[in-house]
Structure formats: C-alpha cells, structure tokens
C-alpha cells in the first residue's frame, strides 16, 4: 500500500490517493504516510518510441530494451507506444514492474526497396491488408510506412484504404509513417488512426483529421535536432525536401492543435526518456502549454484507454515540486514516479 497526495492534473484539485496493487483509491488507510507530495500528473506517455536497438537496422537486444525502458521510467514515462520494433519483444515487455505499460505494432510494414535494411517486413501491395490485419489482431496495432525516399512511390491510396478497412475489421488500429505530401494525403483520406511524423502534410487536411479522429504524432523535437545538422549539408533534392518540410513542421503542428487534431507527444529519439523535450518543442511551436502537456499525459493516456488520477484507474503518477503547467521545464525533473502502484523513483520527504 502506498499513498501520494497533492494537486492532480489536469484540473488541479487536491487529492489523497492510495494504491493497493495496481489501482488508485481514495479510501483512506490509517497509518499509511505519503511517499510523495506535490503536483500530480497521471504518468507521462511517449507515443512514438522504438526502444531496444543500438541503431537503425540493428536487431532487438533484450538487455538494451530493458535499459531504454528504464530510462523512460526515470523520466516519468509510465506508458509507451512503439509503432514499429526491431524484433518481437520478449514476454516481459510492457508487463514487468520496472518497465512502462506498452503498446506496439510489431515490425514496420514497408514496400520493397524502401526503409532501413534489417528493419521491417517487406510486403506486396496485394498482401498488405491481410498482413496488417493479422498484426493488429495480435497486438492491437499495425504500422505501415506510407512513403520513404524523395523519389519513392508512396503506398497507393486504394491500398491504404484497404489496409485501414482490414485493420478496423479486426478491432485494431493503424499507425502510418509519412513524410511526403502524397503519402500523408493517402493516409488521411483512408482514415488511419494516427499519422506519424506528418512532415510535408497539407494543412488543408487538418480539419478532415480532426473530424475523423486521426491523431498526429509529429516527433517535432527529433526533426528540430536533425535540422540543425542538415542545413550545412550540400544542396540537393533530399536536403531541400527535408529543410522545407522541417521548417514548416512547427507551424503545421500548431495549426493542427488549433484545428482540434489530437496531437500526441512522441520522441522518435535515440536517447530515450526525452518526452519533456518534445513537450517543450510543441509549446515553442505555438501549441498551448496545457495542450502540450496533455499530449504527453492525460490526452495520450485516454487515447490508449488509460484513465487518469481517479478511483479505479491504473496506479501511475509522476510527481513534481511545482506545477508543470506554469513551467514545462519541470517535466524533466520528477521528484517521484509511481508505476503499477509501486514507487519506482524516490519521493521527497513527507510532511505529516
């Protein structure tokens, strides 16, 4: 039995929560002192992360996978979504007490001649709906790479629509990688569940995304990091595509949030546990701070089917010494992390 208390976000009401196992309750238990106090966030979420591999194309390493997941937990992340993994995760993935809850889409489903060598599964267009549906039936999600190189053809719109229909028919959801206008247009028209990256996405499609409930995971901080190095590279079509797309990406993300698109915080970063950087990047782009924080916590948790800080909800929380809504930089410094009803990061001294 553990206890935390403080001001619960998103609304800031004062709560006193007890966890007996993996569920919160407000029923008081005599003699149980709080293990942490402060501003309570219902666990952070990294909605786009690929843990467990040293570099693109490398195989999944179980020891590295656990270390990457622990890095997430130390940063306050209690749930992740992996839209693409380098291999089949071990049985403890998303289950063991020291790693976040996890959703994954298995291997990336890609067209022949595209994507990183050694990663993903190459699938013919005719087989793509059935393969994606089988993956989604097994793990809840499938991931299709709609486009890749500057001169590569995207997955045709009719094929993408067939994939969405097949995945939805088995009760699954489809995430789609897109970094080119044509791939993004095909994904939105097909009604995919989440657009990953969305570089070069046509802003005119944002209202359709909002109406359909299509989420956007822009991985904005990763693009910002890459942009600082690409601008000094020799001129060429690939550089021009990336610089133009990455420069327009921040305004696109802000416009998406204003249009009512559900924006999710995902890092796509080789350094794991950096979801606070993505929240700061969203806010710097013009997303309102409350919405930027929601993208990495309560809105993302709701998207994954996880309630927040309420009786009966899974017992996850990140605790902060100050209100992160007033200074988003505080997100990088949780004073305590509770995962599955266990204190996995030390709390501050209690006041009784």
Protein backbone atom coordinates (compact mmCIF):
# COMPACT_ATOMS: atom_id res chain seq x y z
CA UNK A 1 0.00 0.00 0.00
CA UNK A 2 1.40 3.40 -0.97
CA UNK A 3 -0.05 6.89 -0.77
CA UNK A 4 0.50 10.13 -2.69
CA UNK A 5 -1.24 13.44 -2.32
CA UNK A 6 -1.26 16.84 -3.93
CA UNK A 7 -2.82 18.74 -6.82
CA UNK A 8 -3.94 16.36 -9.54
CA UNK A 9 -3.75 17.45 -13.16
CA UNK A 10 -5.32 18.30 -15.49
CA UNK A 11 -7.72 20.23 -13.23
CA UNK A 12 -5.53 20.88 -10.19
CA UNK A 13 -7.90 19.63 -7.49
CA UNK A 14 -6.28 18.39 -4.27
CA UNK A 15 -6.43 14.61 -3.92
CA UNK A 16 -5.22 11.97 -1.50
CA UNK A 17 -4.66 8.69 -3.35
CA UNK A 18 -3.85 5.19 -2.14
CA UNK A 19 -2.65 2.28 -4.27
CA UNK A 20 -3.27 -1.24 -3.09
CA UNK A 21 -1.95 -3.13 -6.07
CA UNK A 22 -2.38 -1.51 -9.47
CA UNK A 23 -5.44 0.66 -8.82
CA UNK A 24 -5.95 4.05 -7.22
CA UNK A 25 -8.48 4.52 -4.47
CA UNK A 26 -9.47 7.45 -2.29
CA UNK A 27 -10.50 5.19 0.59
CA UNK A 28 -8.19 6.21 3.47
CA UNK A 29 -5.97 3.63 5.12
CA UNK A 30 -4.87 4.52 8.68
CA UNK A 31 -1.15 4.64 9.30
CA UNK A 32 -0.04 4.95 5.65
CA UNK A 33 2.12 8.06 5.22
CA UNK A 34 2.53 9.68 1.79
CA UNK A 35 5.58 8.57 -0.16
CA UNK A 36 5.39 11.72 -2.31
CA UNK A 37 3.58 15.05 -2.38
CA UNK A 38 3.29 17.85 -4.89
CA UNK A 39 1.81 18.33 -8.32
CA UNK A 40 0.49 15.00 -9.61
CA UNK A 41 0.48 14.09 -13.30
CA UNK A 42 -1.17 10.77 -14.25
CA UNK A 43 2.03 9.31 -15.73
CA UNK A 44 3.73 10.55 -18.88
CA UNK A 45 3.39 8.86 -22.27
CA UNK A 46 5.87 8.62 -25.14
CA UNK A 47 3.60 7.79 -28.06
CA UNK A 48 6.36 7.21 -30.61
CA UNK A 49 9.49 5.41 -29.45
CA UNK A 50 11.50 2.49 -30.80
CA UNK A 51 13.49 1.08 -27.87
CA UNK A 52 15.79 -1.90 -27.89
CA UNK A 53 18.13 -1.39 -30.85
CA UNK A 54 21.52 0.30 -30.96
CA UNK A 55 20.96 1.95 -34.36
CA UNK A 56 18.61 1.73 -37.37
CA UNK A 57 18.82 -1.73 -38.90
CA UNK A 58 20.27 -3.35 -35.76
CA UNK A 59 18.43 -6.30 -34.16
CA UNK A 60 16.39 -6.06 -30.99
CA UNK A 61 18.55 -6.57 -27.89
CA UNK A 62 16.63 -7.58 -24.77
CA UNK A 63 19.13 -6.08 -22.32
CA UNK A 64 19.23 -2.80 -24.22
CA UNK A 65 15.45 -2.82 -24.47
CA UNK A 66 15.11 -3.02 -20.68
CA UNK A 67 17.65 -0.23 -20.19
CA UNK A 68 15.85 2.03 -22.69
CA UNK A 69 12.55 1.37 -20.95
CA UNK A 70 14.06 2.15 -17.56
CA UNK A 71 15.30 5.45 -18.97
CA UNK A 72 11.70 6.23 -19.88
CA UNK A 73 10.51 5.37 -16.38
CA UNK A 74 13.14 7.57 -14.72
CA UNK A 75 11.79 10.43 -16.84
CA UNK A 76 8.25 9.88 -15.52
CA UNK A 77 7.03 7.86 -18.52
CA UNK A 78 4.69 5.10 -17.39
CA UNK A 79 3.29 4.16 -20.82
CA UNK A 80 4.75 3.98 -24.30
CA UNK A 81 3.55 3.20 -27.79
CA UNK A 82 6.07 1.63 -30.16
CA UNK A 83 4.81 1.96 -33.74
CA UNK A 84 7.49 -0.36 -35.06
CA UNK A 85 10.04 -2.53 -33.29
CA UNK A 86 13.28 -4.13 -34.47
CA UNK A 87 12.01 -7.56 -33.48
CA UNK A 88 9.41 -9.45 -31.49
CA UNK A 89 9.52 -8.13 -27.90
CA UNK A 90 10.09 -10.55 -25.01
CA UNK A 91 7.15 -11.62 -22.82
CA UNK A 92 8.11 -9.13 -20.09
CA UNK A 93 7.75 -6.14 -22.43
CA UNK A 94 5.05 -3.83 -21.09
CA UNK A 95 4.42 -6.15 -18.14
CA UNK A 96 7.35 -6.27 -15.72
CA UNK A 97 7.12 -3.88 -12.74
CA UNK A 98 10.18 -1.83 -13.76
CA UNK A 99 9.11 -1.06 -17.36
CA UNK A 100 6.29 1.11 -18.75
CA UNK A 101 2.98 -0.21 -19.92
CA UNK A 102 3.38 -0.70 -23.66
CA UNK A 103 1.51 -0.89 -26.93
CA UNK A 104 3.31 -1.99 -30.07
CA UNK A 105 2.70 -2.63 -33.76
CA UNK A 106 5.27 -5.35 -34.36
CA UNK A 107 7.64 -4.76 -37.27
CA UNK A 108 7.19 -1.89 -39.68
CA UNK A 109 5.27 -2.96 -42.80
CA UNK A 110 7.08 -1.48 -45.80
CA UNK A 111 7.25 -1.52 -49.57
CA UNK A 112 10.03 -3.37 -51.35
CA UNK A 113 13.22 -1.36 -51.78
CA UNK A 114 12.37 1.12 -49.02
CA UNK A 115 13.17 1.72 -45.34
CA UNK A 116 16.22 0.66 -43.30
CA UNK A 117 17.92 -2.59 -44.26
CA UNK A 118 17.40 -5.13 -41.49
CA UNK A 119 14.26 -3.49 -40.14
CA UNK A 120 10.64 -4.06 -41.09
CA UNK A 121 8.77 -6.57 -43.18
CA UNK A 122 8.55 -6.11 -46.97
CA UNK A 123 5.03 -6.79 -48.16
CA UNK A 124 3.41 -6.78 -51.60
CA UNK A 125 0.50 -4.39 -52.02
CA UNK A 126 -1.91 -7.28 -52.57
CA UNK A 127 -0.93 -8.84 -49.25
CA UNK A 128 -0.65 -5.68 -47.17
CA UNK A 129 -4.28 -5.56 -45.87
CA UNK A 130 -4.18 -9.16 -44.62
CA UNK A 131 -0.70 -8.85 -43.10
CA UNK A 132 -1.60 -5.62 -41.30
CA UNK A 133 -4.87 -7.07 -40.03
CA UNK A 134 -3.10 -10.15 -38.67
CA UNK A 135 -0.62 -7.95 -36.78
CA UNK A 136 -3.36 -5.70 -35.40
CA UNK A 137 -5.42 -8.71 -34.32
CA UNK A 138 -2.43 -9.92 -32.30
CA UNK A 139 -1.15 -6.70 -30.70
CA UNK A 140 -3.87 -4.10 -31.31
CA UNK A 141 -1.79 -2.01 -33.73
CA UNK A 142 -0.14 -2.25 -37.15
CA UNK A 143 2.31 0.24 -38.66
CA UNK A 144 2.67 0.97 -42.38
CA UNK A 145 5.45 3.10 -43.87
CA UNK A 146 3.50 5.04 -46.50
CA UNK A 147 6.49 6.76 -48.09
CA UNK A 148 10.25 6.91 -47.75
CA UNK A 149 12.80 8.43 -50.16
CA UNK A 150 12.30 11.63 -52.13
CA UNK A 151 11.81 9.73 -55.40
CA UNK A 152 9.99 6.70 -53.97
CA UNK A 153 6.37 5.99 -54.79
CA UNK A 154 4.04 6.08 -51.76
CA UNK A 155 1.62 3.31 -50.91
CA UNK A 156 -1.30 3.86 -53.32
CA UNK A 157 -4.40 5.44 -51.84
CA UNK A 158 -6.64 2.47 -52.67
CA UNK A 159 -4.23 0.06 -51.00
CA UNK A 160 -4.08 2.25 -47.89
CA UNK A 161 -7.87 2.36 -47.73
CA UNK A 162 -8.00 -1.44 -47.95
CA UNK A 163 -5.45 -1.73 -45.14
CA UNK A 164 -7.50 0.56 -42.89
CA UNK A 165 -10.67 -1.42 -43.58
CA UNK A 166 -8.95 -4.73 -42.83
CA UNK A 167 -7.33 -3.49 -39.61
CA UNK A 168 -10.53 -1.92 -38.35
CA UNK A 169 -12.46 -5.09 -39.18
CA UNK A 170 -10.42 -6.99 -36.57
CA UNK A 171 -10.79 -4.22 -33.99
CA UNK A 172 -7.25 -2.90 -34.43
CA UNK A 173 -5.72 0.48 -35.14
CA UNK A 174 -3.32 1.62 -37.83
CA UNK A 175 -0.38 3.99 -37.47
CA UNK A 176 1.19 5.32 -40.67
CA UNK A 177 4.64 6.82 -41.17
CA UNK A 178 4.50 9.66 -43.69
CA UNK A 179 6.98 12.41 -44.54
CA UNK A 180 5.76 13.36 -48.02
CA UNK A 181 2.61 15.14 -49.16
CA UNK A 182 1.23 12.28 -51.26
CA UNK A 183 1.66 9.69 -48.50
CA UNK A 184 0.05 11.99 -45.96
CA UNK A 185 -2.90 12.66 -48.25
CA UNK A 186 -3.46 8.94 -48.81
CA UNK A 187 -3.27 8.23 -45.07
CA UNK A 188 -5.76 10.93 -44.11
CA UNK A 189 -8.19 10.02 -46.90
CA UNK A 190 -8.07 6.38 -45.83
CA UNK A 191 -8.94 7.26 -42.23
CA UNK A 192 -5.85 5.91 -40.47
CA UNK A 193 -5.81 6.14 -36.69
CA UNK A 194 -2.57 8.06 -36.35
CA UNK A 195 -0.25 9.93 -38.68
CA UNK A 196 3.35 9.51 -37.54
CA UNK A 197 5.64 12.47 -38.27
CA UNK A 198 3.39 14.12 -40.87
CA UNK A 199 6.24 16.06 -42.47
CA UNK A 200 5.03 17.95 -45.56
CA UNK A 201 1.40 17.27 -44.65
CA UNK A 202 -1.04 19.53 -46.46
CA UNK A 203 -2.54 21.91 -43.85
CA UNK A 204 -5.86 21.74 -45.68
CA UNK A 205 -6.20 18.15 -44.41
CA UNK A 206 -6.17 19.10 -40.73
CA UNK A 207 -9.90 19.65 -40.44
CA UNK A 208 -10.51 16.22 -42.02
CA UNK A 209 -8.15 14.69 -39.46
CA UNK A 210 -9.98 16.38 -36.61
CA UNK A 211 -13.36 15.24 -37.91
CA UNK A 212 -12.17 11.64 -38.35
CA UNK A 213 -10.37 11.50 -35.01
CA UNK A 214 -7.00 10.91 -36.67
CA UNK A 215 -4.17 11.69 -34.26
CA UNK A 216 -0.89 13.37 -35.22
CA UNK A 217 2.39 12.35 -33.59
CA UNK A 218 4.74 14.96 -35.08
CA UNK A 219 8.03 13.94 -33.37
CA UNK A 220 8.87 17.62 -33.60
CA UNK A 221 11.92 17.68 -31.33
CA UNK A 222 13.63 14.97 -33.40
CA UNK A 223 13.15 16.97 -36.59
CA UNK A 224 14.42 20.11 -34.87
CA UNK A 225 17.58 18.26 -33.83
CA UNK A 226 18.20 16.93 -37.33
CA UNK A 227 17.53 20.29 -38.96
CA UNK A 228 20.45 21.89 -37.14
CA UNK A 229 22.83 19.47 -38.87
CA UNK A 230 21.18 19.19 -42.29
CA UNK A 231 21.27 22.92 -43.08
CA UNK A 232 25.05 22.75 -43.52
CA UNK A 233 24.99 19.80 -45.94
CA UNK A 234 25.47 20.20 -49.72
CA UNK A 235 22.46 21.32 -51.71
CA UNK A 236 20.31 18.67 -53.37
CA UNK A 237 16.73 17.37 -53.66
CA UNK A 238 16.87 15.41 -50.41
CA UNK A 239 18.22 18.36 -48.43
CA UNK A 240 15.66 20.74 -49.94
CA UNK A 241 12.81 18.34 -49.13
CA UNK A 242 13.90 17.96 -45.52
CA UNK A 243 14.73 21.61 -44.83
CA UNK A 244 11.48 22.83 -46.36
CA UNK A 245 9.43 20.20 -44.57
CA UNK A 246 11.12 20.55 -41.17
CA UNK A 247 10.95 24.35 -41.30
CA UNK A 248 7.20 24.21 -41.96
CA UNK A 249 6.60 21.45 -39.42
CA UNK A 250 6.28 23.58 -36.27
CA UNK A 251 3.61 25.90 -37.77
CA UNK A 252 1.80 22.81 -39.09
CA UNK A 253 1.72 21.24 -35.62
CA UNK A 254 0.40 24.43 -34.03
CA UNK A 255 -2.28 24.66 -36.71
CA UNK A 256 -3.22 21.03 -36.12
CA UNK A 257 -3.76 21.65 -32.42
CA UNK A 258 -5.86 24.73 -33.14
CA UNK A 259 -7.92 22.74 -35.67
CA UNK A 260 -8.80 20.20 -32.99
CA UNK A 261 -6.48 17.40 -34.10
CA UNK A 262 -5.33 15.21 -31.21
CA UNK A 263 -1.59 15.82 -31.01
CA UNK A 264 0.47 13.13 -29.25
CA UNK A 265 3.98 13.59 -27.86
CA UNK A 266 6.48 11.14 -29.30
CA UNK A 267 10.24 11.41 -29.31
CA UNK A 268 11.44 9.00 -32.04
CA UNK A 269 14.75 9.65 -30.31
CA UNK A 270 17.84 7.51 -29.87
CA UNK A 271 18.23 9.00 -26.39
CA UNK A 272 15.25 7.58 -24.53
CA UNK A 273 13.41 9.35 -21.74
CA UNK A 274 13.24 12.72 -23.53
CA UNK A 275 9.50 13.24 -23.73
CA UNK A 276 9.89 16.52 -21.83
CA UNK A 277 11.90 17.83 -24.80
CA UNK A 278 9.01 17.01 -27.11
CA UNK A 279 6.55 18.86 -24.85
CA UNK A 280 8.82 21.92 -24.88
CA UNK A 281 9.11 21.71 -28.67
CA UNK A 282 5.32 21.57 -29.01
CA UNK A 283 4.93 24.64 -26.81
CA UNK A 284 7.68 26.51 -28.69
CA UNK A 285 5.82 25.75 -31.92
CA UNK A 286 2.74 27.53 -30.59
CA UNK A 287 0.77 24.68 -29.01
CA UNK A 288 -0.75 25.98 -25.78
CA UNK A 289 1.20 24.77 -22.73
CA UNK A 290 -1.78 22.93 -21.24
CA UNK A 291 -2.34 21.10 -24.55
CA UNK A 292 1.39 20.38 -24.94
CA UNK A 293 1.43 18.76 -21.52
CA UNK A 294 -1.78 16.87 -22.28
CA UNK A 295 -0.11 15.44 -25.41
CA UNK A 296 2.36 13.66 -23.12
CA UNK A 297 -0.06 12.69 -20.36
CA UNK A 298 -3.81 12.66 -19.88
CA UNK A 299 -4.82 13.05 -23.56
CA UNK A 300 -2.33 10.41 -24.67
CA UNK A 301 -3.38 8.09 -21.86
CA UNK A 302 -7.03 8.47 -22.86
CA UNK A 303 -6.09 7.66 -26.47
CA UNK A 304 -4.53 4.41 -25.23
CA UNK A 305 -7.52 3.64 -22.99
CA UNK A 306 -5.89 4.60 -19.68
CA UNK A 307 -7.83 6.75 -17.19
CA UNK A 308 -6.07 9.40 -15.12
CA UNK A 309 -5.83 10.07 -11.38
CA UNK A 310 -9.19 8.73 -10.30
CA UNK A 311 -10.51 5.81 -8.25
CA UNK A 312 -10.20 2.55 -10.14
CA UNK A 313 -7.63 3.88 -12.61
CA UNK A 314 -4.24 2.20 -13.09
CA UNK A 315 -1.92 3.40 -10.33
CA UNK A 316 0.54 5.51 -12.33
CA UNK A 317 1.74 9.02 -11.49
CA UNK A 318 4.64 11.40 -11.90
CA UNK A 319 5.05 13.88 -9.05
CA UNK A 320 6.58 17.35 -9.32
CA UNK A 321 7.65 20.00 -6.84
CA UNK A 322 5.94 22.73 -8.87
CA UNK A 323 3.04 22.98 -11.30
CA UNK A 324 4.44 21.89 -14.68
CA UNK A 325 1.69 23.83 -16.43
CA UNK A 326 3.36 27.07 -15.34
CA UNK A 327 6.87 25.91 -16.28
CA UNK A 328 7.05 22.97 -18.66
CA UNK A 329 10.76 22.57 -17.94
CA UNK A 330 9.73 20.99 -14.64
CA UNK A 331 8.64 17.87 -16.56
CA UNK A 332 12.26 16.79 -16.86
CA UNK A 333 12.61 16.58 -13.07
CA UNK A 334 10.00 14.35 -11.40
CA UNK A 335 10.51 14.03 -7.67
CA UNK A 336 8.71 10.67 -7.66
CA UNK A 337 7.35 8.17 -10.16
CA UNK A 338 4.69 5.60 -9.34
CA UNK A 339 4.19 2.73 -11.79
CA UNK A 340 1.63 -0.03 -11.28
CA UNK A 341 1.20 1.03 -7.67
CA UNK A 342 4.92 0.84 -6.86
CA UNK A 343 7.27 3.70 -6.10
CA UNK A 344 9.94 3.33 -8.78
CA UNK A 345 11.63 6.70 -8.28
CA UNK A 346 12.31 8.11 -4.77
CA UNK A 347 9.99 10.78 -3.44
CA UNK A 348 10.63 13.86 -1.35
CA UNK A 349 10.49 13.73 2.47
CA UNK A 350 6.87 13.73 3.57
CA UNK A 351 5.15 16.28 5.78
CA UNK A 352 2.86 14.76 8.43
